[in-house]
Protein backbone atom coordinates (compact mmCIF):
# COMPACT_ATOMS: atom_id res chain seq x y z
CA MET A 1 36.61 111.96 4.03
CA HIS A 2 37.94 112.95 0.60
CA VAL A 3 41.47 111.67 0.04
CA ARG A 4 43.74 113.72 -2.20
CA LYS A 5 47.15 112.62 -1.00
CA VAL A 6 48.54 109.29 0.18
CA SER A 7 51.74 108.78 2.18
CA LEU A 8 53.36 105.35 2.35
CA ILE A 9 55.32 104.36 5.45
CA GLY A 10 57.23 101.07 5.48
CA VAL A 11 57.88 99.19 8.70
CA PRO A 12 60.16 96.18 8.02
CA MET A 13 59.32 94.64 11.40
CA ASP A 14 60.40 91.04 11.82
CA LEU A 15 60.48 90.95 15.61
CA GLY A 16 56.88 90.13 16.50
CA GLY A 17 56.53 86.70 14.88
CA GLY A 18 58.28 83.36 14.87
CA ARG A 19 58.95 83.13 11.13
CA ARG A 20 61.38 85.35 9.25
CA GLY A 21 60.70 87.17 5.97
CA VAL A 22 57.93 89.71 6.61
CA ASP A 23 60.55 92.44 6.97
CA MET A 24 60.70 92.40 3.16
CA GLY A 25 57.00 93.23 2.85
CA PRO A 26 57.40 96.99 2.27
CA SER A 27 59.91 96.41 -0.52
CA ALA A 28 57.68 93.78 -2.12
CA LEU A 29 54.73 96.19 -2.19
CA ARG A 30 56.82 98.93 -3.76
CA ILE A 31 58.13 96.52 -6.40
CA ALA A 32 54.54 95.45 -7.12
CA GLY A 33 53.73 98.99 -8.29
CA ILE A 34 51.94 100.75 -5.45
CA GLU A 35 53.13 104.20 -6.54
CA ASP A 36 51.98 103.87 -10.15
CA GLY A 37 48.65 102.45 -9.00
CA VAL A 38 47.93 105.30 -6.60
CA ARG A 39 48.93 107.97 -9.12
CA ALA A 40 46.67 106.34 -11.74
CA LEU A 41 43.74 107.12 -9.42
CA GLY A 42 44.60 110.81 -9.67
CA LEU A 43 45.95 110.99 -6.12
CA GLU A 44 49.16 112.57 -4.93
CA TYR A 45 51.67 110.05 -3.62
CA GLU A 46 54.72 110.29 -1.42
CA ASP A 47 56.94 107.57 -0.03
CA LYS A 48 58.08 108.43 3.49
CA GLY A 49 60.60 105.59 3.55
CA ASN A 50 61.02 102.94 6.21
CA ILE A 51 61.12 103.04 9.98
CA GLY A 52 64.45 101.62 11.17
CA VAL A 53 63.98 98.21 12.80
CA PRO A 54 66.76 96.06 14.34
CA GLN A 55 67.22 92.54 13.06
CA PRO A 56 66.19 89.74 15.46
CA GLU A 57 69.66 88.18 15.22
CA SER A 58 71.19 91.34 16.68
CA ARG A 59 69.06 91.26 19.82
CA GLU A 60 68.35 88.84 22.66
CA PRO A 61 64.66 88.78 23.70
CA LYS A 62 64.49 89.59 27.41
CA HIS A 63 60.78 88.88 27.99
CA PRO A 64 59.86 85.25 27.19
CA ASN A 65 56.12 86.07 27.29
CA ALA A 66 56.55 89.19 25.14
CA ARG A 67 59.57 88.65 22.94
CA PHE A 68 61.47 91.79 21.85
CA LEU A 69 59.07 93.94 23.88
CA TYR A 70 61.48 96.87 24.27
CA GLU A 71 62.49 96.89 20.60
CA ILE A 72 58.91 96.67 19.31
CA ALA A 73 57.70 99.41 21.67
CA HIS A 74 60.58 101.66 20.56
CA CYS A 75 59.84 101.13 16.86
CA CYS A 76 56.13 101.71 17.41
CA ARG A 77 56.85 105.01 19.15
CA ARG A 78 58.89 106.10 16.13
CA LEU A 79 56.11 104.94 13.79
CA ARG A 80 53.56 106.88 15.82
CA ALA A 81 55.55 110.08 15.37
CA ARG A 82 55.85 109.61 11.62
CA VAL A 83 52.17 108.78 11.12
CA GLU A 84 51.16 111.86 13.11
CA ARG A 85 53.33 114.05 10.87
CA VAL A 86 51.55 112.57 7.84
CA LEU A 87 48.17 113.37 9.39
CA ASP A 88 49.34 116.91 10.23
CA ALA A 89 50.13 117.37 6.53
CA GLY A 90 46.58 116.39 5.54
CA SER A 91 47.61 113.11 3.94
CA MET A 92 46.21 109.60 4.42
CA PRO A 93 48.78 107.24 5.96
CA ILE A 94 49.22 103.83 4.34
CA VAL A 95 51.44 101.77 6.64
CA VAL A 96 53.02 98.61 5.25
CA GLY A 97 54.60 95.83 7.30
CA GLY A 98 56.20 93.84 8.56
CA ASP A 99 54.45 91.78 11.16
CA HIS A 100 51.17 92.88 12.69
CA SER A 101 52.75 94.28 15.86
CA ILE A 102 53.28 97.50 13.87
CA ALA A 103 49.56 98.22 14.28
CA ILE A 104 50.18 99.32 17.86
CA GLY A 105 52.19 102.29 16.58
CA THR A 106 49.80 103.11 13.76
CA VAL A 107 46.69 103.03 15.94
CA ALA A 108 48.47 104.99 18.70
CA ALA A 109 49.14 107.74 16.16
CA VAL A 110 45.66 107.95 14.65
CA SER A 111 43.95 107.67 18.03
CA SER A 112 46.17 110.32 19.63
CA TRP A 113 45.85 112.73 16.70
CA HIS A 114 42.06 112.63 16.88
CA HIS A 115 42.01 112.58 20.69
CA ARG A 116 43.74 115.96 20.73
CA ARG A 117 40.86 117.22 18.62
CA GLY A 118 38.23 115.87 20.99
CA GLU A 119 37.44 112.88 18.78
CA LYS A 120 37.75 109.12 19.02
CA ILE A 121 38.29 106.51 16.33
CA GLY A 122 36.92 103.09 15.46
CA LEU A 123 38.83 100.02 14.36
CA ILE A 124 38.23 97.24 11.84
CA TRP A 125 40.75 94.43 12.25
CA PHE A 126 40.79 92.04 9.27
CA ASP A 127 42.74 88.92 10.19
CA ALA A 128 42.72 85.13 10.28
CA HIS A 129 43.75 85.45 13.92
CA GLY A 130 42.29 87.43 16.79
CA ASP A 131 45.63 88.99 17.87
CA MET A 132 43.98 89.27 21.28
CA ASN A 133 46.59 87.46 23.36
CA THR A 134 48.40 89.13 26.25
CA PRO A 135 51.69 88.20 27.93
CA ASP A 136 49.61 86.22 30.43
CA SER A 137 47.76 84.17 27.81
CA THR A 138 50.21 83.79 24.91
CA PRO A 139 51.43 80.27 24.08
CA SER A 140 54.38 81.61 22.05
CA GLY A 141 55.43 84.99 23.45
CA ASN A 142 55.17 86.46 19.92
CA ILE A 143 53.88 90.03 20.07
CA HIS A 144 52.30 89.83 16.60
CA GLY A 145 49.59 87.86 18.41
CA MET A 146 48.92 90.74 20.83
CA PRO A 147 48.40 94.04 18.95
CA CYS A 148 44.61 94.06 18.86
CA ALA A 149 44.49 93.43 22.61
CA SER A 150 47.05 96.19 23.15
CA VAL A 151 45.11 98.89 21.30
CA LEU A 152 41.96 97.87 23.20
CA GLY A 153 43.77 98.38 26.52
CA ARG A 154 44.77 94.81 27.42
CA GLY A 155 48.31 93.55 27.85
CA ALA A 156 51.81 94.90 28.42
CA PRO A 157 51.80 98.52 29.72
CA GLU A 158 54.71 99.34 27.41
CA LEU A 159 52.37 98.73 24.46
CA VAL A 160 48.97 99.65 25.89
CA ALA A 161 50.16 103.16 26.85
CA LEU A 162 51.86 104.08 23.56
CA GLY A 163 49.08 106.53 22.70
CA ASP A 164 47.69 109.61 24.44
CA ARG A 165 44.45 107.73 25.08
CA VAL A 166 44.04 104.44 26.95
CA PRO A 167 42.49 102.45 25.48
CA MET A 168 43.43 103.74 22.04
CA VAL A 169 40.09 102.44 20.75
CA ASP A 170 36.96 101.76 22.82
CA VAL A 171 35.85 98.13 22.62
CA PRO A 172 32.29 99.07 21.46
CA ASN A 173 33.87 100.68 18.36
CA ALA A 174 36.16 97.76 17.47
CA VAL A 175 35.43 94.83 15.15
CA ILE A 176 37.51 91.80 14.18
CA VAL A 177 36.64 90.33 10.76
CA GLY A 178 37.70 87.07 9.11
CA VAL A 179 38.87 85.11 12.16
CA ARG A 180 39.31 81.36 11.73
CA ASP A 181 42.29 80.39 13.91
CA LEU A 182 42.19 81.05 17.67
CA ASP A 183 44.05 79.35 20.49
CA GLN A 184 42.37 78.23 23.70
CA TYR A 185 43.31 81.18 25.92
CA GLU A 186 42.75 83.75 23.18
CA ARG A 187 39.11 82.68 22.98
CA ARG A 188 38.80 83.55 26.66
CA GLU A 189 40.48 86.92 26.14
CA ILE A 190 38.07 87.75 23.31
CA ARG A 191 35.00 86.77 25.31
CA GLU A 192 36.15 88.74 28.36
CA SER A 193 36.95 91.84 26.29
CA GLY A 194 33.51 92.02 24.68
CA VAL A 195 34.92 92.95 21.26
CA THR A 196 32.66 92.20 18.27
CA VAL A 197 33.97 89.35 16.10
CA PHE A 198 32.77 88.16 12.70
CA THR A 199 34.39 84.79 12.08
CA MET A 200 34.51 83.11 8.69
CA ARG A 201 31.37 81.25 9.74
CA GLU A 202 29.46 84.55 9.97
CA ILE A 203 30.92 85.62 6.63
CA ASP A 204 29.78 82.33 5.08
CA MET A 205 26.29 82.77 6.50
CA LEU A 206 25.75 86.53 6.04
CA GLY A 207 28.06 87.39 3.16
CA MET A 208 30.98 89.81 3.30
CA ASN A 209 28.91 92.78 2.16
CA GLU A 210 26.54 92.47 5.13
CA VAL A 211 29.39 91.79 7.56
CA MET A 212 31.22 94.93 6.43
CA LYS A 213 28.07 97.04 6.67
CA ARG A 214 27.65 95.92 10.27
CA ALA A 215 31.35 96.34 11.05
CA ILE A 216 31.45 99.87 9.64
CA ALA A 217 28.32 100.81 11.59
CA ILE A 218 30.03 99.72 14.81
CA ALA A 219 33.36 101.39 13.98
CA THR A 220 31.73 104.71 13.04
CA ASP A 221 29.21 104.97 15.89
CA GLY A 222 30.17 108.27 17.53
CA THR A 223 33.66 108.32 16.01
CA ALA A 224 35.53 110.50 13.52
CA GLY A 225 36.00 107.40 11.36
CA PHE A 226 37.98 104.18 11.54
CA HIS A 227 41.39 102.67 11.01
CA LEU A 228 41.48 99.51 8.88
CA SER A 229 44.22 97.07 9.84
CA PHE A 230 44.42 94.46 7.08
CA ASP A 231 46.50 91.34 7.68
CA LEU A 232 47.04 89.53 4.38
CA ASP A 233 46.64 86.19 6.14
CA GLY A 234 42.93 87.03 6.38
CA VAL A 235 42.86 86.29 2.66
CA ASP A 236 42.81 82.63 1.63
CA PRO A 237 46.30 81.23 0.86
CA THR A 238 45.16 80.27 -2.65
CA VAL A 239 44.91 84.02 -3.32
CA ALA A 240 47.72 85.29 -1.06
CA PRO A 241 50.20 82.48 -0.36
CA GLY A 242 53.09 84.67 0.79
CA VAL A 243 52.04 85.58 4.33
CA GLY A 244 53.56 85.17 7.77
CA THR A 245 51.01 82.68 9.14
CA PRO A 246 48.82 81.18 6.37
CA VAL A 247 45.54 79.50 7.36
CA PRO A 248 43.20 77.75 4.88
CA GLY A 249 39.59 78.84 4.53
CA GLY A 250 40.00 82.61 4.32
CA ALA A 251 38.30 85.35 2.33
CA ASN A 252 38.42 84.84 -1.41
CA PHE A 253 39.58 87.43 -3.95
CA ARG A 254 36.26 89.24 -4.32
CA GLU A 255 35.40 89.09 -0.61
CA SER A 256 38.74 90.71 0.17
CA HIS A 257 38.07 93.50 -2.29
CA LEU A 258 34.61 94.00 -0.79
CA VAL A 259 36.28 94.74 2.56
CA MET A 260 38.27 97.53 0.92
CA GLU A 261 35.51 98.79 -1.36
CA ASN A 262 33.05 99.10 1.50
CA ALA A 263 35.66 100.86 3.61
CA HIS A 264 36.15 103.44 0.87
CA GLU A 265 32.46 103.88 0.13
CA SER A 266 31.76 104.59 3.81
CA GLY A 267 33.69 107.87 3.51
CA LYS A 268 35.00 107.19 7.01
CA LEU A 269 38.33 105.46 6.36
CA LEU A 270 40.97 107.47 8.25
CA SER A 271 44.03 105.30 7.72
CA LEU A 272 45.07 101.89 6.42
CA GLU A 273 47.78 99.35 6.99
CA VAL A 274 48.62 96.04 5.37
CA THR A 275 50.79 93.52 7.17
CA GLU A 276 52.41 90.08 7.13
CA ILE A 277 53.48 89.95 3.47
CA ASN A 278 56.28 87.37 3.34
CA PRO A 279 58.06 87.26 -0.04
CA ILE A 280 60.07 84.18 1.03
CA LEU A 281 56.87 82.15 1.01
CA ASP A 282 55.38 83.86 -2.04
CA VAL A 283 55.15 82.93 -5.72
CA LYS A 284 56.56 85.60 -8.07
CA ASN A 285 55.49 88.40 -5.68
CA CYS A 286 51.80 87.63 -6.32
CA THR A 287 50.78 88.37 -2.72
CA ALA A 288 52.25 91.86 -2.88
CA GLN A 289 50.48 92.37 -6.22
CA VAL A 290 47.19 91.34 -4.60
CA ALA A 291 47.94 93.72 -1.73
CA VAL A 292 48.48 96.61 -4.13
CA GLN A 293 45.12 96.00 -5.79
CA LEU A 294 43.42 95.79 -2.40
CA VAL A 295 44.95 99.10 -1.31
CA LEU A 296 43.76 100.69 -4.55
CA SER A 297 40.21 99.45 -3.86
CA ALA A 298 40.39 101.11 -0.44
CA LEU A 299 41.42 104.34 -2.19
CA GLY A 300 38.51 104.29 -4.60
CA LYS A 301 39.43 102.13 -7.59
CA ARG A 302 36.26 100.78 -9.20
CA ILE A 303 35.45 98.17 -11.80
CA LEU A 304 33.19 100.56 -13.73
């Protein structure tokens, strides 16, 4: 896939998690210079603005095991429509959150767009967490812990059925990379689902380059390509401190860039999103600046 044009879509979603601030993520990335960076690579760039998202204070969550379910599903449907229009125009969508529940809308769009063309997609989910909880297993009710399960066909019907295809991604074509923080019931959900997981232990043992080679092979086996959903909390907090749910022991600076560089070099990257940037917890917007450089690596920026 040869990218000539990039379209940024912001989703200031602050409904899926338990800590406020990630709704400012799209603005932080813009301030950090994403447009100038993309144009410096010789690519066309357009900013499609933000999806409208209600503030948590203006709503009362009606589902204790899936908080703000209606509002998140509604926003993800709107995001799906906008991403599909970007794909129709021949542009690569770069979706910026917001909490990780936005991935349900992004993946619904990319999966549905290719499904109508008789194709399926793969998924690489880079995250400190598995995001494989369901309303039946969640300890918190926060939907940002459920999006990976949702796109693989497990969980609330309002989320699982947001795309034209259920599941949006087949489990044999899905990979979770960078996991290091799972709760008790989520471990069970992951084992039952059969999804491939490379924890930080595997990354320590094999190296990120080998892990990404294996992940890309899985995500591209019989697919048109893959969506890369990149949660900044997969990166170690010493590199990216301003994230929604920081966990020590994550990917270092170069390992994180290897994820993006390998994705680009595969020629099979269909779409990208970055989530969970929280400027309230950041230091001089450094996490958004790291995110910009990671996005540029995914778009082909090289050292030499």
